[in-house]
Amino acid sequence: EVQGNVPADKIRSEAQPKEVRIPLGRFRYAVAAAALGLLLSVSAGGYAFYRWVEASQISHTFRAMNGKSRVTLPDGTKVWLNADTKLTYESSFWSKERAVKLEGEALFEVMPDQEHPFIVKNYGFRARVYGTRFLFKARKELPQVEVGLISGSVAVQSTGDEHFLNPGEGALCNRTTGDISVRQTDVMFHALWADESIRIEGKSLPE
C-alpha cells in the first residue's frame, strides 16, 4: 500500500516513539544527587525554623539567696523576692500566657495585659491574674502553697479546684490533697518584708 509517493512501512517507522537509554550508573548518581539536595534543603529550612522558634522564646532565672531583692521582668511586672527564693520567667511567641515558676516567697505587682494573663505556679497550683498586687509563697519545706491578694483579682487553681480571691483574702493550697481553702487575712502585714519594714508576730511588747 502506498500513500502518495511514500511507502506505508516508511510511515509506520517514522510514527514510532524515539527511545532514549540512560546508563544505570548515571541514573543512580542523578537520583542520589537529587535526594541529597532535597535533604539539605529540608535540613536548612528546619534549622532556620528551629532558630526562629528559639529566638521567639524568653527564659530568665532570678535568685535571692542571702537577702531580699527586686527585679523587673521583661513585660514590666515588678517582683520583690524574699531571701532564699528562685523565680523562673518564661514567655513565648506561641503562648498567650506570661508564666513564672516560684520556689520561695515573692510579692508581685503585675503589669496589666488583658490578652496575656500572668501565671505564677508551683507544686500543682496556679495563681492566674491580669494586673494586680499579691503574695505567693511556695517553699519546699512547707505543706501548703499560700496566696494573698492585696489589690485586683486572682484565680487560684489546682487540678480539681478553683477559687477567686478578693482583696484581703488568702488561699491555703494543700499540696497533699490539692484542696484550696480561702480565709480573711491581713495580707498587708504579711507583705511588710517587701516594704523594708520589720514584721513582728506573736511577740509581747517588751520583746
C-alpha atoms as a PDB file:
ATOM      1  CA  GLU A   1       0.000   0.000   0.000  1.00  0.00           C
ATOM      2  CA  VAL A   2       1.295   3.410  -0.966  1.00  0.00           C
ATOM      3  CA  GLN A   3       0.005   6.802   0.273  1.00  0.00           C
ATOM      4  CA  GLY A   4       1.048   9.428  -2.237  1.00  0.00           C
ATOM      5  CA  ASN A   5       4.676   8.732  -3.058  1.00  0.00           C
ATOM      6  CA  VAL A   6       5.628   7.459   0.480  1.00  0.00           C
ATOM      7  CA  PRO A   7       5.563   3.733   1.215  1.00  0.00           C
ATOM      8  CA  ALA A   8       3.324   2.602   4.124  1.00  0.00           C
ATOM      9  CA  ASP A   9       6.166   0.873   6.026  1.00  0.00           C
ATOM     10  CA  LYS A  10       8.088   4.161   5.984  1.00  0.00           C
ATOM     11  CA  ILE A  11       5.122   5.992   7.553  1.00  0.00           C
ATOM     12  CA  ARG A  12       4.818   3.410  10.340  1.00  0.00           C
ATOM     13  CA  SER A  13       8.539   3.584  11.016  1.00  0.00           C
ATOM     14  CA  GLU A  14       8.505   7.356  11.457  1.00  0.00           C
ATOM     15  CA  ALA A  15       5.436   7.236  13.764  1.00  0.00           C
ATOM     16  CA  GLN A  16       7.153   5.004  16.332  1.00  0.00           C
ATOM     17  CA  PRO A  17       8.335   6.875  19.520  1.00  0.00           C
ATOM     18  CA  LYS A  18      12.018   7.511  19.953  1.00  0.00           C
ATOM     19  CA  GLU A  19      13.636   5.515  22.776  1.00  0.00           C
ATOM     20  CA  VAL A  20      16.340   7.121  24.935  1.00  0.00           C
ATOM     21  CA  ARG A  21      18.570   4.926  27.071  1.00  0.00           C
ATOM     22  CA  ILE A  22      20.328   6.292  30.223  1.00  0.00           C
ATOM     23  CA  PRO A  23      23.151   4.223  31.691  1.00  0.00           C
ATOM     24  CA  LEU A  24      22.187   2.704  35.087  1.00  0.00           C
ATOM     25  CA  GLY A  25      25.228   4.177  36.850  1.00  0.00           C
ATOM     26  CA  ARG A  26      24.419   7.711  35.699  1.00  0.00           C
ATOM     27  CA  PHE A  27      20.755   7.281  36.702  1.00  0.00           C
ATOM     28  CA  ARG A  28      21.688   6.208  40.224  1.00  0.00           C
ATOM     29  CA  TYR A  29      24.057   9.172  40.534  1.00  0.00           C
ATOM     30  CA  ALA A  30      21.316  11.588  39.452  1.00  0.00           C
ATOM     31  CA  VAL A  31      18.815  10.109  41.968  1.00  0.00           C
ATOM     32  CA  ALA A  32      21.363  10.295  44.804  1.00  0.00           C
ATOM     33  CA  ALA A  33      22.233  13.912  43.954  1.00  0.00           C
ATOM     34  CA  ALA A  34      18.558  14.893  43.887  1.00  0.00           C
ATOM     35  CA  ALA A  35      17.914  13.155  47.215  1.00  0.00           C
ATOM     36  CA  LEU A  36      20.931  14.851  48.794  1.00  0.00           C
ATOM     37  CA  GLY A  37      19.825  18.248  47.526  1.00  0.00           C
ATOM     38  CA  LEU A  38      16.328  17.720  48.920  1.00  0.00           C
ATOM     39  CA  LEU A  39      17.723  16.589  52.281  1.00  0.00           C
ATOM     40  CA  LEU A  40      19.985  19.619  52.536  1.00  0.00           C
ATOM     41  CA  SER A  41      17.114  21.962  51.661  1.00  0.00           C
ATOM     42  CA  VAL A  42      14.833  20.394  54.279  1.00  0.00           C
ATOM     43  CA  SER A  43      17.610  20.401  56.898  1.00  0.00           C
ATOM     44  CA  ALA A  44      18.446  24.052  56.258  1.00  0.00           C
ATOM     45  CA  GLY A  45      14.792  25.025  56.406  1.00  0.00           C
ATOM     46  CA  GLY A  46      14.243  23.026  59.581  1.00  0.00           C
ATOM     47  CA  TYR A  47      17.279  24.555  61.267  1.00  0.00           C
ATOM     48  CA  ALA A  48      16.200  28.065  60.310  1.00  0.00           C
ATOM     49  CA  PHE A  49      12.687  27.379  61.677  1.00  0.00           C
ATOM     50  CA  TYR A  50      14.144  25.968  64.924  1.00  0.00           C
ATOM     51  CA  ARG A  51      16.322  29.050  65.392  1.00  0.00           C
ATOM     52  CA  TRP A  52      13.331  31.308  64.756  1.00  0.00           C
ATOM     53  CA  VAL A  53      11.230  29.436  67.340  1.00  0.00           C
ATOM     54  CA  GLU A  54      14.128  29.506  69.802  1.00  0.00           C
ATOM     55  CA  ALA A  55      14.549  33.250  69.343  1.00  0.00           C
ATOM     56  CA  SER A  56      10.830  33.799  69.998  1.00  0.00           C
ATOM     57  CA  GLN A  57      11.110  32.227  73.467  1.00  0.00           C
ATOM     58  CA  ILE A  58      12.278  34.130  76.541  1.00  0.00           C
ATOM     59  CA  SER A  59      13.528  32.471  79.723  1.00  0.00           C
ATOM     60  CA  HIS A  60      15.124  34.245  82.702  1.00  0.00           C
ATOM     61  CA  THR A  61      16.021  32.956  86.164  1.00  0.00           C
ATOM     62  CA  PHE A  62      16.338  35.261  89.183  1.00  0.00           C
ATOM     63  CA  ARG A  63      17.607  34.316  92.637  1.00  0.00           C
ATOM     64  CA  ALA A  64      17.599  35.999  96.046  1.00  0.00           C
ATOM     65  CA  MET A  65      19.902  33.887  98.194  1.00  0.00           C
ATOM     66  CA  ASN A  66      21.041  35.850 101.246  1.00  0.00           C
ATOM     67  CA  GLY A  67      18.637  38.788 101.251  1.00  0.00           C
ATOM     68  CA  LYS A  68      15.696  40.470  99.569  1.00  0.00           C
ATOM     69  CA  SER A  69      15.873  41.794  96.021  1.00  0.00           C
ATOM     70  CA  ARG A  70      13.601  43.423  93.450  1.00  0.00           C
ATOM     71  CA  VAL A  71      13.519  42.573  89.765  1.00  0.00           C
ATOM     72  CA  THR A  72      11.587  43.922  86.793  1.00  0.00           C
ATOM     73  CA  LEU A  73      10.501  41.269  84.306  1.00  0.00           C
ATOM     74  CA  PRO A  74      10.605  41.837  80.518  1.00  0.00           C
ATOM     75  CA  ASP A  75       6.848  42.611  80.464  1.00  0.00           C
ATOM     76  CA  GLY A  76       7.243  45.375  83.094  1.00  0.00           C
ATOM     77  CA  THR A  77       5.993  43.348  86.076  1.00  0.00           C
ATOM     78  CA  LYS A  78       7.797  44.169  89.355  1.00  0.00           C
ATOM     79  CA  VAL A  79       8.678  41.333  91.743  1.00  0.00           C
ATOM     80  CA  TRP A  80      10.083  41.546  95.264  1.00  0.00           C
ATOM     81  CA  LEU A  81      11.912  38.310  96.106  1.00  0.00           C
ATOM     82  CA  ASN A  82      12.348  37.284  99.711  1.00  0.00           C
ATOM     83  CA  ALA A  83      15.506  35.511 100.880  1.00  0.00           C
ATOM     84  CA  ASP A  84      16.198  32.016  99.504  1.00  0.00           C
ATOM     85  CA  THR A  85      13.842  32.464  96.535  1.00  0.00           C
ATOM     86  CA  LYS A  86      14.170  31.397  92.912  1.00  0.00           C
ATOM     87  CA  LEU A  87      11.982  32.776  90.120  1.00  0.00           C
ATOM     88  CA  THR A  88      11.941  31.494  86.524  1.00  0.00           C
ATOM     89  CA  TYR A  89      10.177  33.652  83.918  1.00  0.00           C
ATOM     90  CA  GLU A  90       9.071  32.113  80.623  1.00  0.00           C
ATOM     91  CA  SER A  91       7.412  33.767  77.648  1.00  0.00           C
ATOM     92  CA  SER A  92       6.908  32.576  74.086  1.00  0.00           C
ATOM     93  CA  PHE A  93       5.614  33.938  70.793  1.00  0.00           C
ATOM     94  CA  TRP A  94       3.363  30.852  70.668  1.00  0.00           C
ATOM     95  CA  SER A  95       1.789  31.311  74.114  1.00  0.00           C
ATOM     96  CA  LYS A  96      -0.804  33.839  75.271  1.00  0.00           C
ATOM     97  CA  GLU A  97       0.365  33.478  78.885  1.00  0.00           C
ATOM     98  CA  ARG A  98       3.188  35.087  80.832  1.00  0.00           C
ATOM     99  CA  ALA A  99       4.252  32.269  83.141  1.00  0.00           C
ATOM    100  CA  VAL A 100       6.656  32.154  86.089  1.00  0.00           C
ATOM    101  CA  LYS A 101       7.639  29.348  88.424  1.00  0.00           C
ATOM    102  CA  LEU A 102       8.370  30.384  92.007  1.00  0.00           C
ATOM    103  CA  GLU A 103      10.322  28.497  94.647  1.00  0.00           C
ATOM    104  CA  GLY A 104      10.218  30.633  97.795  1.00  0.00           C
ATOM    105  CA  GLU A 105       8.248  33.800  98.566  1.00  0.00           C
ATOM    106  CA  ALA A 106       7.551  36.869  96.452  1.00  0.00           C
ATOM    107  CA  LEU A 107       5.363  39.932  96.169  1.00  0.00           C
ATOM    108  CA  PHE A 108       4.113  40.604  92.628  1.00  0.00           C
ATOM    109  CA  GLU A 109       2.965  43.868  91.080  1.00  0.00           C
ATOM    110  CA  VAL A 110       1.754  42.634  87.702  1.00  0.00           C
ATOM    111  CA  MET A 111       1.724  44.847  84.624  1.00  0.00           C
ATOM    112  CA  PRO A 112      -1.858  44.770  83.239  1.00  0.00           C
ATOM    113  CA  ASP A 113      -2.352  42.917  79.940  1.00  0.00           C
ATOM    114  CA  GLN A 114      -5.863  41.631  79.257  1.00  0.00           C
ATOM    115  CA  GLU A 115      -4.746  39.462  76.340  1.00  0.00           C
ATOM    116  CA  HIS A 116      -1.864  37.794  78.194  1.00  0.00           C
ATOM    117  CA  PRO A 117      -2.717  36.654  81.738  1.00  0.00           C
ATOM    118  CA  PHE A 118       0.118  36.364  84.248  1.00  0.00           C
ATOM    119  CA  ILE A 119       0.565  32.909  85.814  1.00  0.00           C
ATOM    120  CA  VAL A 120       2.519  32.018  88.972  1.00  0.00           C
ATOM    121  CA  LYS A 121       2.819  28.276  89.554  1.00  0.00           C
ATOM    122  CA  ASN A 122       4.433  25.518  91.595  1.00  0.00           C
ATOM    123  CA  TYR A 123       3.534  22.177  93.216  1.00  0.00           C
ATOM    124  CA  GLY A 124       0.440  21.784  91.033  1.00  0.00           C
ATOM    125  CA  PHE A 125      -1.092  25.182  91.915  1.00  0.00           C
ATOM    126  CA  ARG A 126      -1.514  28.278  89.735  1.00  0.00           C
ATOM    127  CA  ALA A 127      -2.380  31.890  90.513  1.00  0.00           C
ATOM    128  CA  ARG A 128      -3.887  33.478  87.399  1.00  0.00           C
ATOM    129  CA  VAL A 129      -4.022  37.283  87.218  1.00  0.00           C
ATOM    130  CA  TYR A 130      -4.214  40.061  84.624  1.00  0.00           C
ATOM    131  CA  GLY A 131      -2.978  43.023  86.657  1.00  0.00           C
ATOM    132  CA  THR A 132      -2.820  43.061  90.452  1.00  0.00           C
ATOM    133  CA  ARG A 133      -0.670  43.047  93.607  1.00  0.00           C
ATOM    134  CA  PHE A 134      -0.426  39.808  95.517  1.00  0.00           C
ATOM    135  CA  LEU A 135       1.788  37.478  97.557  1.00  0.00           C
ATOM    136  CA  PHE A 136       2.791  33.964  96.538  1.00  0.00           C
ATOM    137  CA  LYS A 137       4.616  31.615  98.884  1.00  0.00           C
ATOM    138  CA  ALA A 138       5.764  28.127  97.863  1.00  0.00           C
ATOM    139  CA  ARG A 139       8.617  26.688  99.890  1.00  0.00           C
ATOM    140  CA  LYS A 140       9.568  23.019  99.650  1.00  0.00           C
ATOM    141  CA  GLU A 141       9.623  22.612 103.453  1.00  0.00           C
ATOM    142  CA  LEU A 142       6.013  23.842 103.828  1.00  0.00           C
ATOM    143  CA  PRO A 143       2.995  21.525 103.360  1.00  0.00           C
ATOM    144  CA  GLN A 144       0.944  24.197 101.568  1.00  0.00           C
ATOM    145  CA  VAL A 145       1.189  26.946  98.982  1.00  0.00           C
ATOM    146  CA  GLU A 146      -0.051  30.355 100.175  1.00  0.00           C
ATOM    147  CA  VAL A 147      -1.537  33.142  98.062  1.00  0.00           C
ATOM    148  CA  GLY A 148      -2.628  36.516  99.456  1.00  0.00           C
ATOM    149  CA  LEU A 149      -4.341  39.278  97.480  1.00  0.00           C
ATOM    150  CA  ILE A 150      -3.658  42.962  98.165  1.00  0.00           C
ATOM    151  CA  SER A 151      -5.460  44.529  95.189  1.00  0.00           C
ATOM    152  CA  GLY A 152      -7.083  43.403  91.959  1.00  0.00           C
ATOM    153  CA  SER A 153      -8.322  39.852  91.393  1.00  0.00           C
ATOM    154  CA  VAL A 154      -6.671  36.431  91.453  1.00  0.00           C
ATOM    155  CA  ALA A 155      -7.932  32.980  90.493  1.00  0.00           C
ATOM    156  CA  VAL A 156      -6.158  30.228  92.452  1.00  0.00           C
ATOM    157  CA  GLN A 157      -6.329  26.889  90.625  1.00  0.00           C
ATOM    158  CA  SER A 158      -5.378  23.265  91.168  1.00  0.00           C
ATOM    159  CA  THR A 159      -6.219  20.139  89.178  1.00  0.00           C
ATOM    160  CA  GLY A 160      -9.695  19.833  90.652  1.00  0.00           C
ATOM    161  CA  ASP A 161     -10.356  23.102  92.473  1.00  0.00           C
ATOM    162  CA  GLU A 162     -10.531  26.843  91.741  1.00  0.00           C
ATOM    163  CA  HIS A 163     -11.249  29.896  93.893  1.00  0.00           C
ATOM    164  CA  PHE A 164     -11.349  33.631  93.158  1.00  0.00           C
ATOM    165  CA  LEU A 165      -9.855  35.884  95.824  1.00  0.00           C
ATOM    166  CA  ASN A 166     -10.955  39.358  96.873  1.00  0.00           C
ATOM    167  CA  PRO A 167      -8.521  41.914  98.341  1.00  0.00           C
ATOM    168  CA  GLY A 168      -7.724  40.987 101.940  1.00  0.00           C
ATOM    169  CA  GLU A 169      -8.253  37.266 101.361  1.00  0.00           C
ATOM    170  CA  GLY A 170      -5.680  34.487 101.409  1.00  0.00           C
ATOM    171  CA  ALA A 171      -5.724  30.975  99.997  1.00  0.00           C
ATOM    172  CA  LEU A 172      -4.104  27.931 101.588  1.00  0.00           C
ATOM    173  CA  CYS A 173      -3.417  25.230  98.999  1.00  0.00           C
ATOM    174  CA  ASN A 174      -2.842  21.760 100.426  1.00  0.00           C
ATOM    175  CA  ARG A 175      -0.027  20.090  98.467  1.00  0.00           C
ATOM    176  CA  THR A 176      -1.145  16.598  99.519  1.00  0.00           C
ATOM    177  CA  THR A 177      -4.851  16.739  98.663  1.00  0.00           C
ATOM    178  CA  GLY A 178      -4.919  19.607  96.151  1.00  0.00           C
ATOM    179  CA  ASP A 179      -7.699  21.330  98.148  1.00  0.00           C
ATOM    180  CA  ILE A 180      -7.872  25.127  98.382  1.00  0.00           C
ATOM    181  CA  SER A 181      -9.336  26.980 101.385  1.00  0.00           C
ATOM    182  CA  VAL A 182      -9.960  30.741 101.425  1.00  0.00           C
ATOM    183  CA  ARG A 183      -9.968  32.958 104.538  1.00  0.00           C
ATOM    184  CA  GLN A 184      -9.713  36.592 105.558  1.00  0.00           C
ATOM    185  CA  THR A 185      -6.157  37.584 106.472  1.00  0.00           C
ATOM    186  CA  ASP A 186      -4.006  40.673 106.986  1.00  0.00           C
ATOM    187  CA  VAL A 187      -2.185  40.449 103.674  1.00  0.00           C
ATOM    188  CA  MET A 188      -0.578  43.883 104.086  1.00  0.00           C
ATOM    189  CA  PHE A 189       1.011  42.713 107.351  1.00  0.00           C
ATOM    190  CA  HIS A 190       2.444  39.638 105.642  1.00  0.00           C
ATOM    191  CA  ALA A 191       3.845  41.869 102.861  1.00  0.00           C
ATOM    192  CA  LEU A 192       5.766  44.205 105.208  1.00  0.00           C
ATOM    193  CA  TRP A 193       9.047  42.452 104.430  1.00  0.00           C
ATOM    194  CA  ALA A 194       8.870  43.730 100.837  1.00  0.00           C
ATOM    195  CA  ASP A 195       8.409  47.332 102.021  1.00  0.00           C
ATOM    196  CA  GLU A 196      11.640  47.304 104.064  1.00  0.00           C
ATOM    197  CA  SER A 197       9.613  47.158 107.281  1.00  0.00           C
ATOM    198  CA  ILE A 198      10.102  44.874 110.291  1.00  0.00           C
ATOM    199  CA  ARG A 199       7.489  42.196 110.787  1.00  0.00           C
ATOM    200  CA  ILE A 200       6.812  41.086 114.373  1.00  0.00           C
ATOM    201  CA  GLU A 201       4.183  38.475 115.022  1.00  0.00           C
ATOM    202  CA  GLY A 202       3.218  36.675 118.247  1.00  0.00           C
ATOM    203  CA  LYS A 203       5.641  38.603 120.467  1.00  0.00           C
ATOM    204  CA  SER A 204       4.996  40.675 123.577  1.00  0.00           C
ATOM    205  CA  LEU A 205       5.668  44.423 123.656  1.00  0.00           C
ATOM    206  CA  PRO A 206       8.802  44.091 125.838  1.00  0.00           C
ATOM    207  CA  GLU A 207      10.218  41.514 123.421  1.00  0.00           C
END
